Amino acid sequence: MTKSWARVLFELDPAYWPGPGGETLWAEPVASSESTNFRLMNSPFHVRGVSYQDVVRATPIEQSDVFRFEKVIERGGHSTYMIIIDGRSPRVDAYWNLLRSMGCSYESATIHWEGERRKLYSVDVPPSADVHEVYDILERGENDKVWIFQEGHAYLPRRGSTP
């Protein structure tokens, strides 16, 4: 990653996620009166409530180059969904192509799920995509047993507003 970027730590609730106690996201410092504001530069796999390009406030962790998340300052207009893929389904590509045609992209990782190694996707939905249509595709994929998904954060702008 770029040297000027920082890592922002988001603590995870163990009741919600039994894995690691936190997730760090890459973030770019934002010029403002607050020296601890950062723009998120990747999508979360486990953290809910934030998305790529959101501006967050974070405080430095002593004796570390990591910052601890405090709050969201400004929304970047992106939405995030997390999906666990059933790699055995031949329909994964067909469903993913629908999402890609809407401008969605993803980061991937491998996790252990129900005793098997599975792909975990952090899906970024850009502001140009219709988040309702994306949700419908995700729901159809889940109903067809291609994946399971959860919403990390859905940006639903008010009428007449921009991100």
C-alpha atoms as a PDB file:
ATOM      1  CA  MET A   1       0.000   0.000   0.000  1.00  0.00           C
ATOM      2  CA  THR A   2       0.967   3.629  -0.280  1.00  0.00           C
ATOM      3  CA  LYS A   3       3.299   4.899   2.461  1.00  0.00           C
ATOM      4  CA  SER A   4       1.022   7.818   3.336  1.00  0.00           C
ATOM      5  CA  TRP A   5      -1.865   5.498   4.100  1.00  0.00           C
ATOM      6  CA  ALA A   6      -2.715   4.409   7.618  1.00  0.00           C
ATOM      7  CA  ARG A   7      -4.408   1.371   9.094  1.00  0.00           C
ATOM      8  CA  VAL A   8      -7.669   1.916  10.962  1.00  0.00           C
ATOM      9  CA  LEU A   9      -8.714  -0.768  13.443  1.00  0.00           C
ATOM     10  CA  PHE A  10     -12.378  -1.666  13.784  1.00  0.00           C
ATOM     11  CA  GLU A  11     -13.104  -3.806  16.830  1.00  0.00           C
ATOM     12  CA  LEU A  12     -15.543  -6.661  16.216  1.00  0.00           C
ATOM     13  CA  ASP A  13     -18.219  -7.811  18.612  1.00  0.00           C
ATOM     14  CA  PRO A  14     -17.404 -11.431  19.588  1.00  0.00           C
ATOM     15  CA  ALA A  15     -21.136 -12.162  19.844  1.00  0.00           C
ATOM     16  CA  TYR A  16     -21.467 -11.282  16.157  1.00  0.00           C
ATOM     17  CA  TRP A  17     -18.167 -12.595  14.786  1.00  0.00           C
ATOM     18  CA  PRO A  18     -16.360 -15.487  16.523  1.00  0.00           C
ATOM     19  CA  GLY A  19     -13.130 -14.923  14.569  1.00  0.00           C
ATOM     20  CA  PRO A  20     -10.475 -12.290  15.201  1.00  0.00           C
ATOM     21  CA  GLY A  21     -11.249  -9.422  17.576  1.00  0.00           C
ATOM     22  CA  GLY A  22     -10.841  -6.762  14.925  1.00  0.00           C
ATOM     23  CA  GLU A  23     -10.284  -5.883  11.300  1.00  0.00           C
ATOM     24  CA  THR A  24      -7.998  -3.189   9.930  1.00  0.00           C
ATOM     25  CA  LEU A  25      -8.744  -1.242   6.776  1.00  0.00           C
ATOM     26  CA  TRP A  26      -6.381   0.890   4.737  1.00  0.00           C
ATOM     27  CA  ALA A  27      -7.174   4.585   4.913  1.00  0.00           C
ATOM     28  CA  GLU A  28      -5.846   7.792   3.416  1.00  0.00           C
ATOM     29  CA  PRO A  29      -5.473  10.868   5.654  1.00  0.00           C
ATOM     30  CA  VAL A  30      -7.969  13.593   4.744  1.00  0.00           C
ATOM     31  CA  ALA A  31      -6.896  17.222   4.884  1.00  0.00           C
ATOM     32  CA  SER A  32      -9.109  18.879   7.471  1.00  0.00           C
ATOM     33  CA  SER A  33      -8.947  20.669  10.770  1.00  0.00           C
ATOM     34  CA  GLU A  34      -9.030  17.183  12.316  1.00  0.00           C
ATOM     35  CA  SER A  35      -5.716  15.387  11.829  1.00  0.00           C
ATOM     36  CA  THR A  36      -7.372  12.073  12.589  1.00  0.00           C
ATOM     37  CA  ASN A  37      -9.837  11.901   9.696  1.00  0.00           C
ATOM     38  CA  PHE A  38      -9.277   9.194   7.095  1.00  0.00           C
ATOM     39  CA  ARG A  39     -10.919   8.046   3.849  1.00  0.00           C
ATOM     40  CA  LEU A  40     -11.308   4.258   3.729  1.00  0.00           C
ATOM     41  CA  MET A  41      -9.462   2.802   0.770  1.00  0.00           C
ATOM     42  CA  ASN A  42     -10.755  -0.762   0.809  1.00  0.00           C
ATOM     43  CA  SER A  43     -13.937  -2.641   1.670  1.00  0.00           C
ATOM     44  CA  PRO A  44     -14.406  -4.526   4.930  1.00  0.00           C
ATOM     45  CA  PHE A  45     -14.851  -8.284   5.169  1.00  0.00           C
ATOM     46  CA  HIS A  46     -16.340  -8.324   8.665  1.00  0.00           C
ATOM     47  CA  VAL A  47     -17.010  -4.759   9.826  1.00  0.00           C
ATOM     48  CA  ARG A  48     -20.534  -3.534   9.439  1.00  0.00           C
ATOM     49  CA  GLY A  49     -21.601   0.085   9.073  1.00  0.00           C
ATOM     50  CA  VAL A  50     -18.788   1.390   6.846  1.00  0.00           C
ATOM     51  CA  SER A  51     -17.877   1.200   3.172  1.00  0.00           C
ATOM     52  CA  TYR A  52     -15.110   2.082   0.748  1.00  0.00           C
ATOM     53  CA  GLN A  53     -14.560   5.865   0.468  1.00  0.00           C
ATOM     54  CA  ASP A  54     -16.309   6.710   3.768  1.00  0.00           C
ATOM     55  CA  VAL A  55     -14.473   9.302   5.852  1.00  0.00           C
ATOM     56  CA  VAL A  56     -13.961   8.210   9.442  1.00  0.00           C
ATOM     57  CA  ARG A  57     -12.424   9.677  12.580  1.00  0.00           C
ATOM     58  CA  ALA A  58      -9.879   7.507  14.381  1.00  0.00           C
ATOM     59  CA  THR A  59      -7.506   7.983  17.305  1.00  0.00           C
ATOM     60  CA  PRO A  60      -3.897   6.793  17.427  1.00  0.00           C
ATOM     61  CA  ILE A  61      -3.174   3.639  19.404  1.00  0.00           C
ATOM     62  CA  GLU A  62      -0.181   4.167  21.679  1.00  0.00           C
ATOM     63  CA  GLN A  63       3.104   2.613  20.550  1.00  0.00           C
ATOM     64  CA  SER A  64       1.562   1.611  17.241  1.00  0.00           C
ATOM     65  CA  ASP A  65       1.107   2.898  13.712  1.00  0.00           C
ATOM     66  CA  VAL A  66      -2.570   1.890  13.838  1.00  0.00           C
ATOM     67  CA  PHE A  67      -5.567   4.139  14.556  1.00  0.00           C
ATOM     68  CA  ARG A  68      -8.751   3.045  16.396  1.00  0.00           C
ATOM     69  CA  PHE A  69     -12.059   3.801  14.675  1.00  0.00           C
ATOM     70  CA  GLU A  70     -14.296   6.301  16.475  1.00  0.00           C
ATOM     71  CA  LYS A  71     -17.077   7.290  14.083  1.00  0.00           C
ATOM     72  CA  VAL A  72     -18.130   7.910  10.501  1.00  0.00           C
ATOM     73  CA  ILE A  73     -17.758  11.567   9.519  1.00  0.00           C
ATOM     74  CA  GLU A  74     -18.985  11.464   5.908  1.00  0.00           C
ATOM     75  CA  ARG A  75     -20.422   8.785   3.637  1.00  0.00           C
ATOM     76  CA  GLY A  76     -18.672   8.091   0.349  1.00  0.00           C
ATOM     77  CA  GLY A  77     -21.812   6.781  -1.384  1.00  0.00           C
ATOM     78  CA  HIS A  78     -20.661   3.151  -1.633  1.00  0.00           C
ATOM     79  CA  SER A  79     -22.420   0.113  -0.168  1.00  0.00           C
ATOM     80  CA  THR A  80     -20.844  -3.128   1.061  1.00  0.00           C
ATOM     81  CA  TYR A  81     -22.147  -6.677   1.083  1.00  0.00           C
ATOM     82  CA  MET A  82     -20.315  -9.754   2.287  1.00  0.00           C
ATOM     83  CA  ILE A  83     -20.947 -13.056   0.536  1.00  0.00           C
ATOM     84  CA  ILE A  84     -19.713 -16.562   1.236  1.00  0.00           C
ATOM     85  CA  ILE A  85     -19.540 -18.522  -1.995  1.00  0.00           C
ATOM     86  CA  ASP A  86     -20.392 -22.155  -2.419  1.00  0.00           C
ATOM     87  CA  GLY A  87     -17.500 -22.921  -4.763  1.00  0.00           C
ATOM     88  CA  ARG A  88     -19.253 -26.032  -6.021  1.00  0.00           C
ATOM     89  CA  SER A  89     -22.032 -24.048  -7.685  1.00  0.00           C
ATOM     90  CA  PRO A  90     -21.556 -23.698 -11.442  1.00  0.00           C
ATOM     91  CA  ARG A  91     -23.782 -20.595 -11.356  1.00  0.00           C
ATOM     92  CA  VAL A  92     -21.342 -18.386  -9.395  1.00  0.00           C
ATOM     93  CA  ASP A  93     -19.929 -16.793 -12.551  1.00  0.00           C
ATOM     94  CA  ALA A  94     -23.359 -16.095 -14.033  1.00  0.00           C
ATOM     95  CA  TYR A  95     -24.531 -14.308 -10.885  1.00  0.00           C
ATOM     96  CA  TRP A  96     -21.250 -12.466 -10.425  1.00  0.00           C
ATOM     97  CA  ASN A  97     -21.379 -11.239 -14.048  1.00  0.00           C
ATOM     98  CA  LEU A  98     -24.731  -9.589 -13.277  1.00  0.00           C
ATOM     99  CA  LEU A  99     -23.160  -7.724 -10.352  1.00  0.00           C
ATOM    100  CA  ARG A 100     -20.053  -6.795 -12.344  1.00  0.00           C
ATOM    101  CA  SER A 101     -22.214  -5.368 -15.141  1.00  0.00           C
ATOM    102  CA  MET A 102     -23.645  -2.973 -12.539  1.00  0.00           C
ATOM    103  CA  GLY A 103     -20.143  -1.775 -11.606  1.00  0.00           C
ATOM    104  CA  CYS A 104     -19.660  -3.935  -8.505  1.00  0.00           C
ATOM    105  CA  SER A 105     -16.186  -5.164  -7.598  1.00  0.00           C
ATOM    106  CA  TYR A 106     -14.864  -7.323  -4.784  1.00  0.00           C
ATOM    107  CA  GLU A 107     -11.955  -8.262  -2.599  1.00  0.00           C
ATOM    108  CA  SER A 108     -11.688 -11.930  -1.660  1.00  0.00           C
ATOM    109  CA  ALA A 109     -10.366 -14.031   1.176  1.00  0.00           C
ATOM    110  CA  THR A 110     -10.646 -17.655   2.200  1.00  0.00           C
ATOM    111  CA  ILE A 111     -12.382 -18.625   5.433  1.00  0.00           C
ATOM    112  CA  HIS A 112     -13.413 -21.837   7.166  1.00  0.00           C
ATOM    113  CA  TRP A 113     -17.187 -22.119   7.075  1.00  0.00           C
ATOM    114  CA  GLU A 114     -19.213 -25.162   8.120  1.00  0.00           C
ATOM    115  CA  GLY A 115     -16.071 -27.302   8.140  1.00  0.00           C
ATOM    116  CA  GLU A 116     -14.931 -26.287   4.642  1.00  0.00           C
ATOM    117  CA  ARG A 117     -12.732 -23.643   3.073  1.00  0.00           C
ATOM    118  CA  ARG A 118     -14.920 -21.119   1.295  1.00  0.00           C
ATOM    119  CA  LYS A 119     -14.424 -17.872  -0.542  1.00  0.00           C
ATOM    120  CA  LEU A 120     -15.503 -14.724   1.269  1.00  0.00           C
ATOM    121  CA  TYR A 121     -16.155 -11.698  -0.930  1.00  0.00           C
ATOM    122  CA  SER A 122     -16.396  -8.135   0.260  1.00  0.00           C
ATOM    123  CA  VAL A 123     -18.532  -6.641  -2.484  1.00  0.00           C
ATOM    124  CA  ASP A 124     -18.254  -2.921  -3.219  1.00  0.00           C
ATOM    125  CA  VAL A 125     -21.344  -1.353  -4.760  1.00  0.00           C
ATOM    126  CA  PRO A 126     -20.489   2.011  -6.339  1.00  0.00           C
ATOM    127  CA  PRO A 127     -22.806   5.018  -6.086  1.00  0.00           C
ATOM    128  CA  SER A 128     -23.665   4.623  -9.784  1.00  0.00           C
ATOM    129  CA  ALA A 129     -25.307   1.214  -9.178  1.00  0.00           C
ATOM    130  CA  ASP A 130     -28.903   0.763  -8.071  1.00  0.00           C
ATOM    131  CA  VAL A 131     -28.411  -0.753  -4.626  1.00  0.00           C
ATOM    132  CA  HIS A 132     -31.933  -2.206  -4.704  1.00  0.00           C
ATOM    133  CA  GLU A 133     -31.182  -4.131  -7.926  1.00  0.00           C
ATOM    134  CA  VAL A 134     -27.891  -5.342  -6.452  1.00  0.00           C
ATOM    135  CA  TYR A 135     -29.743  -6.574  -3.364  1.00  0.00           C
ATOM    136  CA  ASP A 136     -32.244  -8.418  -5.563  1.00  0.00           C
ATOM    137  CA  ILE A 137     -29.397 -10.225  -7.372  1.00  0.00           C
ATOM    138  CA  LEU A 138     -27.735 -11.125  -4.070  1.00  0.00           C
ATOM    139  CA  GLU A 139     -31.034 -12.441  -2.742  1.00  0.00           C
ATOM    140  CA  ARG A 140     -31.660 -14.514  -5.901  1.00  0.00           C
ATOM    141  CA  GLY A 141     -28.159 -15.996  -5.601  1.00  0.00           C
ATOM    142  CA  GLU A 142     -28.855 -16.936  -2.001  1.00  0.00           C
ATOM    143  CA  ASN A 143     -32.228 -18.467  -2.896  1.00  0.00           C
ATOM    144  CA  ASP A 144     -30.472 -20.507  -5.615  1.00  0.00           C
ATOM    145  CA  LYS A 145     -27.894 -21.669  -3.020  1.00  0.00           C
ATOM    146  CA  VAL A 146     -24.994 -20.046  -4.880  1.00  0.00           C
ATOM    147  CA  TRP A 147     -23.960 -18.026  -1.804  1.00  0.00           C
ATOM    148  CA  ILE A 148     -25.126 -16.612   1.469  1.00  0.00           C
ATOM    149  CA  PHE A 149     -24.831 -12.889   2.029  1.00  0.00           C
ATOM    150  CA  GLN A 150     -25.219 -10.168   4.582  1.00  0.00           C
ATOM    151  CA  GLU A 151     -25.368  -6.424   4.347  1.00  0.00           C
ATOM    152  CA  GLY A 152     -22.330  -4.609   5.668  1.00  0.00           C
ATOM    153  CA  HIS A 153     -23.635  -1.146   4.891  1.00  0.00           C
ATOM    154  CA  ALA A 154     -26.184   0.061   2.373  1.00  0.00           C
ATOM    155  CA  TYR A 155     -25.951   3.655   1.262  1.00  0.00           C
ATOM    156  CA  LEU A 156     -29.493   4.838   0.567  1.00  0.00           C
ATOM    157  CA  PRO A 157     -29.330   8.508  -0.354  1.00  0.00           C
ATOM    158  CA  ARG A 158     -32.229  10.788   0.355  1.00  0.00           C
ATOM    159  CA  ARG A 159     -34.016  12.098  -2.697  1.00  0.00           C
ATOM    160  CA  GLY A 160     -32.103  14.952  -4.248  1.00  0.00           C
ATOM    161  CA  SER A 161     -28.913  14.323  -2.224  1.00  0.00           C
ATOM    162  CA  THR A 162     -25.496  13.222  -3.408  1.00  0.00           C
ATOM    163  CA  PRO A 163     -22.876  11.213  -1.522  1.00  0.00           C
END
